[in-house]
PDB file of all heavy atoms in Angstrom:
ATOM      1  N   TYR A   1     117.103 115.974  37.890  1.00  0.00           N
ATOM      2  CA  TYR A   1     115.688 116.159  37.549  1.00  0.00           C
ATOM      3  C   TYR A   1     115.054 114.773  37.521  1.00  0.00           C
ATOM      4  O   TYR A   1     115.667 113.826  37.030  1.00  0.00           O
ATOM      5  CB  TYR A   1     115.567 116.852  36.199  1.00  0.00           C
ATOM      6  CG  TYR A   1     114.150 117.116  35.745  1.00  0.00           C
ATOM      7  CD1 TYR A   1     113.370 118.069  36.386  1.00  0.00           C
ATOM      8  CD2 TYR A   1     113.601 116.431  34.673  1.00  0.00           C
ATOM      9  CE1 TYR A   1     112.073 118.316  35.972  1.00  0.00           C
ATOM     10  CE2 TYR A   1     112.313 116.676  34.257  1.00  0.00           C
ATOM     11  CZ  TYR A   1     111.553 117.622  34.906  1.00  0.00           C
ATOM     12  OH  TYR A   1     110.269 117.860  34.492  1.00  0.00           O
ATOM     13  N   TYR A   2     113.817 114.681  38.035  1.00  0.00           N
ATOM     14  CA  TYR A   2     113.158 113.386  38.165  1.00  0.00           C
ATOM     15  C   TYR A   2     111.768 113.400  37.543  1.00  0.00           C
ATOM     16  O   TYR A   2     111.085 114.430  37.544  1.00  0.00           O
ATOM     17  CB  TYR A   2     113.007 113.020  39.646  1.00  0.00           C
ATOM     18  CG  TYR A   2     114.303 112.829  40.374  1.00  0.00           C
ATOM     19  CD1 TYR A   2     114.943 113.902  40.994  1.00  0.00           C
ATOM     20  CD2 TYR A   2     114.903 111.572  40.461  1.00  0.00           C
ATOM     21  CE1 TYR A   2     116.146 113.728  41.664  1.00  0.00           C
ATOM     22  CE2 TYR A   2     116.099 111.387  41.124  1.00  0.00           C
ATOM     23  CZ  TYR A   2     116.714 112.466  41.729  1.00  0.00           C
ATOM     24  OH  TYR A   2     117.904 112.290  42.397  1.00  0.00           O
ATOM     25  N   ALA A   3     111.357 112.232  37.105  1.00  0.00           N
ATOM     26  CA  ALA A   3     109.962 112.057  36.720  1.00  0.00           C
ATOM     27  C   ALA A   3     109.113 112.140  37.976  1.00  0.00           C
ATOM     28  O   ALA A   3     109.540 111.727  39.062  1.00  0.00           O
ATOM     29  CB  ALA A   3     109.767 110.710  36.036  1.00  0.00           C
ATOM     30  N   ASP A   4     107.920 112.657  37.841  1.00  0.00           N
ATOM     31  CA  ASP A   4     107.025 112.790  38.995  1.00  0.00           C
ATOM     32  C   ASP A   4     106.762 111.444  39.663  1.00  0.00           C
ATOM     33  O   ASP A   4     106.609 111.373  40.880  1.00  0.00           O
ATOM     34  CB  ASP A   4     105.699 113.415  38.559  1.00  0.00           C
ATOM     35  CG  ASP A   4     105.834 114.899  38.256  1.00  0.00           C
ATOM     36  OD1 ASP A   4     106.848 115.512  38.664  1.00  0.00           O
ATOM     37  OD2 ASP A   4     104.924 115.440  37.605  1.00  0.00           O
ATOM     38  N   SER A   5     106.739 110.396  38.877  1.00  0.00           N
ATOM     39  CA  SER A   5     106.390 109.077  39.393  1.00  0.00           C
ATOM     40  C   SER A   5     107.445 108.510  40.349  1.00  0.00           C
ATOM     41  O   SER A   5     107.155 107.594  41.112  1.00  0.00           O
ATOM     42  CB  SER A   5     106.178 108.097  38.236  1.00  0.00           C
ATOM     43  OG  SER A   5     107.350 108.006  37.445  1.00  0.00           O
ATOM     44  N   VAL A   6     108.663 109.042  40.302  1.00  0.00           N
ATOM     45  CA  VAL A   6     109.731 108.518  41.164  1.00  0.00           C
ATOM     46  C   VAL A   6     110.283 109.554  42.132  1.00  0.00           C
ATOM     47  O   VAL A   6     111.101 109.224  42.999  1.00  0.00           O
ATOM     48  CB  VAL A   6     110.894 107.937  40.320  1.00  0.00           C
ATOM     49  CG1 VAL A   6     110.376 106.907  39.324  1.00  0.00           C
ATOM     50  CG2 VAL A   6     111.669 109.034  39.607  1.00  0.00           C
ATOM     51  N   LYS A   7     109.838 110.769  42.009  1.00  0.00           N
ATOM     52  CA  LYS A   7     110.362 111.851  42.849  1.00  0.00           C
ATOM     53  C   LYS A   7     110.125 111.534  44.322  1.00  0.00           C
ATOM     54  O   LYS A   7     109.037 111.126  44.722  1.00  0.00           O
ATOM     55  CB  LYS A   7     109.673 113.158  42.460  1.00  0.00           C
ATOM     56  CG  LYS A   7     110.404 114.409  42.883  1.00  0.00           C
ATOM     57  CD  LYS A   7     109.708 115.640  42.328  1.00  0.00           C
ATOM     58  CE  LYS A   7     109.700 115.674  40.828  1.00  0.00           C
ATOM     59  NZ  LYS A   7     109.065 116.886  40.271  1.00  0.00           N
ATOM     60  N   GLY A   8     111.180 111.696  45.110  1.00  0.00           N
ATOM     61  CA  GLY A   8     111.079 111.401  46.533  1.00  0.00           C
ATOM     62  C   GLY A   8     111.368 109.956  46.886  1.00  0.00           C
ATOM     63  O   GLY A   8     111.548 109.629  48.066  1.00  0.00           O
ATOM     64  N   ARG A   9     111.416 109.080  45.883  1.00  0.00           N
ATOM     65  CA  ARG A   9     111.699 107.654  46.139  1.00  0.00           C
ATOM     66  C   ARG A   9     113.040 107.234  45.508  1.00  0.00           C
ATOM     67  O   ARG A   9     113.718 106.356  46.038  1.00  0.00           O
ATOM     68  CB  ARG A   9     110.590 106.774  45.559  1.00  0.00           C
ATOM     69  CG  ARG A   9     109.226 107.037  46.149  1.00  0.00           C
ATOM     70  CD  ARG A   9     108.208 105.993  45.680  1.00  0.00           C
ATOM     71  NE  ARG A   9     108.020 106.006  44.234  1.00  0.00           N
ATOM     72  CZ  ARG A   9     108.234 104.966  43.441  1.00  0.00           C
ATOM     73  NH1 ARG A   9     108.654 103.806  43.947  1.00  0.00           N
ATOM     74  NH2 ARG A   9     108.021 105.053  42.126  1.00  0.00           N
ATOM     75  N   PHE A  10     113.393 107.815  44.384  1.00  0.00           N
ATOM     76  CA  PHE A  10     114.631 107.477  43.674  1.00  0.00           C
ATOM     77  C   PHE A  10     115.621 108.628  43.787  1.00  0.00           C
ATOM     78  O   PHE A  10     115.234 109.799  43.813  1.00  0.00           O
ATOM     79  CB  PHE A  10     114.345 107.223  42.194  1.00  0.00           C
ATOM     80  CG  PHE A  10     113.552 105.981  41.880  1.00  0.00           C
ATOM     81  CD1 PHE A  10     112.933 105.231  42.871  1.00  0.00           C
ATOM     82  CD2 PHE A  10     113.428 105.550  40.568  1.00  0.00           C
ATOM     83  CE1 PHE A  10     112.208 104.091  42.571  1.00  0.00           C
ATOM     84  CE2 PHE A  10     112.708 104.409  40.244  1.00  0.00           C
ATOM     85  CZ  PHE A  10     112.089 103.683  41.252  1.00  0.00           C
ATOM     86  N   THR A  11     116.899 108.273  43.805  1.00  0.00           N
ATOM     87  CA  THR A  11     117.959 109.274  43.822  1.00  0.00           C
ATOM     88  C   THR A  11     119.020 108.910  42.796  1.00  0.00           C
ATOM     89  O   THR A  11     119.576 107.804  42.833  1.00  0.00           O
ATOM     90  CB  THR A  11     118.620 109.364  45.205  1.00  0.00           C
ATOM     91  OG1 THR A  11     117.633 109.694  46.186  1.00  0.00           O
ATOM     92  CG2 THR A  11     119.692 110.439  45.219  1.00  0.00           C
ATOM     93  N   ILE A  12     119.294 109.836  41.897  1.00  0.00           N
ATOM     94  CA  ILE A  12     120.343 109.641  40.906  1.00  0.00           C
ATOM     95  C   ILE A  12     121.610 110.303  41.418  1.00  0.00           C
ATOM     96  O   ILE A  12     121.574 111.391  42.012  1.00  0.00           O
ATOM     97  CB  ILE A  12     119.924 110.205  39.532  1.00  0.00           C
ATOM     98  CG1 ILE A  12     120.928 109.816  38.448  1.00  0.00           C
ATOM     99  CG2 ILE A  12     119.707 111.711  39.580  1.00  0.00           C
ATOM    100  CD1 ILE A  12     120.457 110.152  37.024  1.00  0.00           C
ATOM    101  N   SER A  13     122.737 109.651  41.193  1.00  0.00           N
ATOM    102  CA  SER A  13     124.024 110.216  41.602  1.00  0.00           C
ATOM    103  C   SER A  13     125.116 109.663  40.694  1.00  0.00           C
ATOM    104  O   SER A  13     124.860 108.749  39.894  1.00  0.00           O
ATOM    105  CB  SER A  13     124.332 109.880  43.062  1.00  0.00           C
ATOM    106  OG  SER A  13     124.436 108.480  43.233  1.00  0.00           O
ATOM    107  N   ARG A  14     126.289 110.229  40.810  1.00  0.00           N
ATOM    108  CA  ARG A  14     127.399 109.761  39.990  1.00  0.00           C
ATOM    109  C   ARG A  14     128.708 109.943  40.726  1.00  0.00           C
ATOM    110  O   ARG A  14     128.829 110.816  41.591  1.00  0.00           O
ATOM    111  CB  ARG A  14     127.430 110.507  38.659  1.00  0.00           C
ATOM    112  CG  ARG A  14     127.721 112.006  38.781  1.00  0.00           C
ATOM    113  CD  ARG A  14     127.484 112.725  37.466  1.00  0.00           C
ATOM    114  NE  ARG A  14     128.370 112.252  36.415  1.00  0.00           N
ATOM    115  CZ  ARG A  14     128.139 112.427  35.119  1.00  0.00           C
ATOM    116  NH1 ARG A  14     127.035 113.050  34.715  1.00  0.00           N
ATOM    117  NH2 ARG A  14     129.008 111.985  34.219  1.00  0.00           N
ATOM    118  N   ASP A  15     129.658 109.100  40.369  1.00  0.00           N
ATOM    119  CA  ASP A  15     131.015 109.221  40.889  1.00  0.00           C
ATOM    120  C   ASP A  15     131.939 109.294  39.681  1.00  0.00           C
ATOM    121  O   ASP A  15     132.234 108.272  39.056  1.00  0.00           O
ATOM    122  CB  ASP A  15     131.354 108.017  41.771  1.00  0.00           C
ATOM    123  CG  ASP A  15     132.708 108.147  42.450  1.00  0.00           C
ATOM    124  OD1 ASP A  15     133.551 108.929  41.954  1.00  0.00           O
ATOM    125  OD2 ASP A  15     132.931 107.468  43.453  1.00  0.00           O
ATOM    126  N   ASN A  16     132.371 110.485  39.342  1.00  0.00           N
ATOM    127  CA  ASN A  16     133.190 110.661  38.145  1.00  0.00           C
ATOM    128  C   ASN A  16     134.580 110.046  38.292  1.00  0.00           C
ATOM    129  O   ASN A  16     135.238 109.763  37.296  1.00  0.00           O
ATOM    130  CB  ASN A  16     133.290 112.140  37.790  1.00  0.00           C
ATOM    131  CG  ASN A  16     131.981 112.681  37.227  1.00  0.00           C
ATOM    132  OD1 ASN A  16     131.109 111.919  36.802  1.00  0.00           O
ATOM    133  ND2 ASN A  16     131.824 114.001  37.250  1.00  0.00           N
ATOM    134  N   THR A  17     135.022 109.848  39.533  1.00  0.00           N
ATOM    135  CA  THR A  17     136.329 109.209  39.726  1.00  0.00           C
ATOM    136  C   THR A  17     136.265 107.713  39.421  1.00  0.00           C
ATOM    137  O   THR A  17     137.280 107.092  39.135  1.00  0.00           O
ATOM    138  CB  THR A  17     136.835 109.399  41.154  1.00  0.00           C
ATOM    139  OG1 THR A  17     135.970 108.705  42.060  1.00  0.00           O
ATOM    140  CG2 THR A  17     136.880 110.872  41.529  1.00  0.00           C
ATOM    141  N   LYS A  18     135.043 107.159  39.492  1.00  0.00           N
ATOM    142  CA  LYS A  18     134.849 105.730  39.207  1.00  0.00           C
ATOM    143  C   LYS A  18     134.130 105.500  37.888  1.00  0.00           C
ATOM    144  O   LYS A  18     133.800 104.363  37.551  1.00  0.00           O
ATOM    145  CB  LYS A  18     134.070 105.068  40.341  1.00  0.00           C
ATOM    146  CG  LYS A  18     134.780 105.091  41.680  1.00  0.00           C
ATOM    147  CD  LYS A  18     133.960 104.395  42.746  1.00  0.00           C
ATOM    148  CE  LYS A  18     134.697 104.377  44.076  1.00  0.00           C
ATOM    149  NZ  LYS A  18     133.896 103.724  45.148  1.00  0.00           N
ATOM    150  N   ASN A  19     133.850 106.571  37.155  1.00  0.00           N
ATOM    151  CA  ASN A  19     133.111 106.455  35.890  1.00  0.00           C
ATOM    152  C   ASN A  19     131.810 105.670  36.065  1.00  0.00           C
ATOM    153  O   ASN A  19     131.472 104.806  35.254  1.00  0.00           O
ATOM    154  CB  ASN A  19     133.973 105.783  34.810  1.00  0.00           C
ATOM    155  CG  ASN A  19     134.960 106.731  34.176  1.00  0.00           C
ATOM    156  OD1 ASN A  19     135.169 107.846  34.668  1.00  0.00           O
ATOM    157  ND2 ASN A  19     135.589 106.312  33.099  1.00  0.00           N
ATOM    158  N   THR A  20     131.078 105.976  37.112  1.00  0.00           N
ATOM    159  CA  THR A  20     129.882 105.206  37.429  1.00  0.00           C
ATOM    160  C   THR A  20     128.705 106.112  37.774  1.00  0.00           C
ATOM    161  O   THR A  20     128.855 107.093  38.503  1.00  0.00           O
ATOM    162  CB  THR A  20     130.143 104.234  38.588  1.00  0.00           C
ATOM    163  OG1 THR A  20     131.247 103.380  38.257  1.00  0.00           O
ATOM    164  CG2 THR A  20     128.926 103.361  38.849  1.00  0.00           C
ATOM    165  N   LEU A  21     127.562 105.727  37.244  1.00  0.00           N
ATOM    166  CA  LEU A  21     126.286 106.382  37.516  1.00  0.00           C
ATOM    167  C   LEU A  21     125.473 105.448  38.402  1.00  0.00           C
ATOM    168  O   LEU A  21     125.556 104.219  38.252  1.00  0.00           O
ATOM    169  CB  LEU A  21     125.548 106.624  36.199  1.00  0.00           C
ATOM    170  CG  LEU A  21     124.120 107.154  36.257  1.00  0.00           C
ATOM    171  CD1 LEU A  21     124.134 108.634  36.652  1.00  0.00           C
ATOM    172  CD2 LEU A  21     123.425 106.966  34.908  1.00  0.00           C
ATOM    173  N   TYR A  22     124.678 106.014  39.300  1.00  0.00           N
ATOM    174  CA  TYR A  22     123.868 105.205  40.210  1.00  0.00           C
ATOM    175  C   TYR A  22     122.410 105.639  40.173  1.00  0.00           C
ATOM    176  O   TYR A  22     122.093 106.787  39.862  1.00  0.00           O
ATOM    177  CB  TYR A  22     124.383 105.342  41.645  1.00  0.00           C
ATOM    178  CG  TYR A  22     125.810 104.946  41.840  1.00  0.00           C
ATOM    179  CD1 TYR A  22     126.804 105.925  41.910  1.00  0.00           C
ATOM    180  CD2 TYR A  22     126.177 103.613  41.946  1.00  0.00           C
ATOM    181  CE1 TYR A  22     128.128 105.575  42.079  1.00  0.00           C
ATOM    182  CE2 TYR A  22     127.499 103.251  42.121  1.00  0.00           C
ATOM    183  CZ  TYR A  22     128.472 104.237  42.181  1.00  0.00           C
ATOM    184  OH  TYR A  22     129.790 103.883  42.353  1.00  0.00           O
ATOM    185  N   LEU A  23     121.543 104.704  40.540  1.00  0.00           N
ATOM    186  CA  LEU A  23     120.145 105.019  40.790  1.00  0.00           C
ATOM    187  C   LEU A  23     119.732 104.260  42.044  1.00  0.00           C
ATOM    188  O   LEU A  23     119.598 103.037  42.016  1.00  0.00           O
ATOM    189  CB  LEU A  23     119.245 104.637  39.615  1.00  0.00           C
ATOM    190  CG  LEU A  23     117.781 105.050  39.778  1.00  0.00           C
ATOM    191  CD1 LEU A  23     117.653 106.577  39.730  1.00  0.00           C
ATOM    192  CD2 LEU A  23     116.902 104.418  38.696  1.00  0.00           C
ATOM    193  N   GLN A  24     119.586 104.983  43.129  1.00  0.00           N
ATOM    194  CA  GLN A  24     119.109 104.390  44.374  1.00  0.00           C
ATOM    195  C   GLN A  24     117.591 104.427  44.363  1.00  0.00           C
ATOM    196  O   GLN A  24     117.001 105.505  44.258  1.00  0.00           O
ATOM    197  CB  GLN A  24     119.643 105.155  45.574  1.00  0.00           C
ATOM    198  CG  GLN A  24     119.155 104.627  46.911  1.00  0.00           C
ATOM    199  CD  GLN A  24     119.689 103.243  47.217  1.00  0.00           C
ATOM    200  OE1 GLN A  24     120.880 102.970  47.101  1.00  0.00           O
ATOM    201  NE2 GLN A  24     118.786 102.344  47.620  1.00  0.00           N
ATOM    202  N   MET A  25     116.979 103.254  44.457  1.00  0.00           N
ATOM    203  CA  MET A  25     115.530 103.153  44.384  1.00  0.00           C
ATOM    204  C   MET A  25     114.998 102.641  45.711  1.00  0.00           C
ATOM    205  O   MET A  25     115.432 101.585  46.195  1.00  0.00           O
ATOM    206  CB  MET A  25     115.126 102.199  43.252  1.00  0.00           C
ATOM    207  CG  MET A  25     115.724 102.572  41.908  1.00  0.00           C
ATOM    208  SD  MET A  25     115.131 101.533  40.556  1.00  0.00           S
ATOM    209  CE  MET A  25     115.829  99.956  41.030  1.00  0.00           C
ATOM    210  N   SER A  26     114.082 103.378  46.287  1.00  0.00           N
ATOM    211  CA  SER A  26     113.491 103.009  47.572  1.00  0.00           C
ATOM    212  C   SER A  26     111.973 103.007  47.451  1.00  0.00           C
ATOM    213  O   SER A  26     111.421 103.544  46.497  1.00  0.00           O
ATOM    214  CB  SER A  26     113.929 103.993  48.656  1.00  0.00           C
ATOM    215  OG  SER A  26     115.332 104.048  48.760  1.00  0.00           O
ATOM    216  N   SER A  27     111.322 102.416  48.453  1.00  0.00           N
ATOM    217  CA  SER A  27     109.858 102.338  48.462  1.00  0.00           C
ATOM    218  C   SER A  27     109.340 101.841  47.124  1.00  0.00           C
ATOM    219  O   SER A  27     108.412 102.420  46.542  1.00  0.00           O
ATOM    220  CB  SER A  27     109.260 103.710  48.798  1.00  0.00           C
ATOM    221  OG  SER A  27     109.717 104.173  50.047  1.00  0.00           O
ATOM    222  N   LEU A  28     109.942 100.778  46.642  1.00  0.00           N
ATOM    223  CA  LEU A  28     109.598 100.280  45.311  1.00  0.00           C
ATOM    224  C   LEU A  28     108.169  99.754  45.249  1.00  0.00           C
ATOM    225  O   LEU A  28     107.642  99.198  46.230  1.00  0.00           O
ATOM    226  CB  LEU A  28     110.582  99.198  44.892  1.00  0.00           C
ATOM    227  CG  LEU A  28     111.938  99.731  44.421  1.00  0.00           C
ATOM    228  CD1 LEU A  28     112.999  98.652  44.459  1.00  0.00           C
ATOM    229  CD2 LEU A  28     111.815 100.315  43.015  1.00  0.00           C
ATOM    230  N   LYS A  29     107.567  99.944  44.090  1.00  0.00           N
ATOM    231  CA  LYS A  29     106.192  99.522  43.833  1.00  0.00           C
ATOM    232  C   LYS A  29     106.177  98.551  42.656  1.00  0.00           C
ATOM    233  O   LYS A  29     107.065  98.601  41.801  1.00  0.00           O
ATOM    234  CB  LYS A  29     105.338 100.733  43.482  1.00  0.00           C
ATOM    235  CG  LYS A  29     105.393 101.873  44.476  1.00  0.00           C
ATOM    236  CD  LYS A  29     104.633 103.081  43.946  1.00  0.00           C
ATOM    237  CE  LYS A  29     104.702 104.244  44.908  1.00  0.00           C
ATOM    238  NZ  LYS A  29     103.979 105.436  44.384  1.00  0.00           N
ATOM    239  N   PRO A  30     105.156  97.703  42.570  1.00  0.00           N
ATOM    240  CA  PRO A  30     105.060  96.841  41.388  1.00  0.00           C
ATOM    241  C   PRO A  30     105.080  97.626  40.078  1.00  0.00           C
ATOM    242  O   PRO A  30     105.587  97.136  39.064  1.00  0.00           O
ATOM    243  CB  PRO A  30     103.724  96.117  41.603  1.00  0.00           C
ATOM    244  CG  PRO A  30     103.589  96.065  43.093  1.00  0.00           C
ATOM    245  CD  PRO A  30     104.154  97.365  43.594  1.00  0.00           C
ATOM    246  N   ALA A  31     104.564  98.849  40.102  1.00  0.00           N
ATOM    247  CA  ALA A  31     104.562  99.692  38.895  1.00  0.00           C
ATOM    248  C   ALA A  31     105.971 100.100  38.453  1.00  0.00           C
ATOM    249  O   ALA A  31     106.149 100.599  37.339  1.00  0.00           O
ATOM    250  CB  ALA A  31     103.717 100.937  39.130  1.00  0.00           C
ATOM    251  N   ASP A  32     106.960  99.889  39.331  1.00  0.00           N
ATOM    252  CA  ASP A  32     108.346 100.210  38.961  1.00  0.00           C
ATOM    253  C   ASP A  32     109.005  99.072  38.184  1.00  0.00           C
ATOM    254  O   ASP A  32     110.145  99.212  37.734  1.00  0.00           O
ATOM    255  CB  ASP A  32     109.175 100.494  40.215  1.00  0.00           C
ATOM    256  CG  ASP A  32     108.717 101.739  40.948  1.00  0.00           C
ATOM    257  OD1 ASP A  32     108.425 102.749  40.273  1.00  0.00           O
ATOM    258  OD2 ASP A  32     108.634 101.687  42.191  1.00  0.00           O
ATOM    259  N   THR A  33     108.308  97.954  38.054  1.00  0.00           N
ATOM    260  CA  THR A  33     108.847  96.826  37.307  1.00  0.00           C
ATOM    261  C   THR A  33     109.091  97.214  35.857  1.00  0.00           C
ATOM    262  O   THR A  33     108.201  97.702  35.173  1.00  0.00           O
ATOM    263  CB  THR A  33     107.878  95.632  37.364  1.00  0.00           C
ATOM    264  OG1 THR A  33     107.783  95.174  38.711  1.00  0.00           O
ATOM    265  CG2 THR A  33     108.359  94.495  36.473  1.00  0.00           C
ATOM    266  N   ALA A  34     110.331  97.021  35.412  1.00  0.00           N
ATOM    267  CA  ALA A  34     110.712  97.424  34.062  1.00  0.00           C
ATOM    268  C   ALA A  34     112.163  97.044  33.809  1.00  0.00           C
ATOM    269  O   ALA A  34     112.885  96.672  34.741  1.00  0.00           O
ATOM    270  CB  ALA A  34     110.559  98.938  33.880  1.00  0.00           C
TER     271      ALA A  34
END
């Protein structure tokens, strides 16, 4: 589930074998600064 502000630009995923969560961020905007 995504916030409207990032939908279509960000992708959340996870690899449970590596105990790792990811956030792929594309088409970044200055408003994404945080």
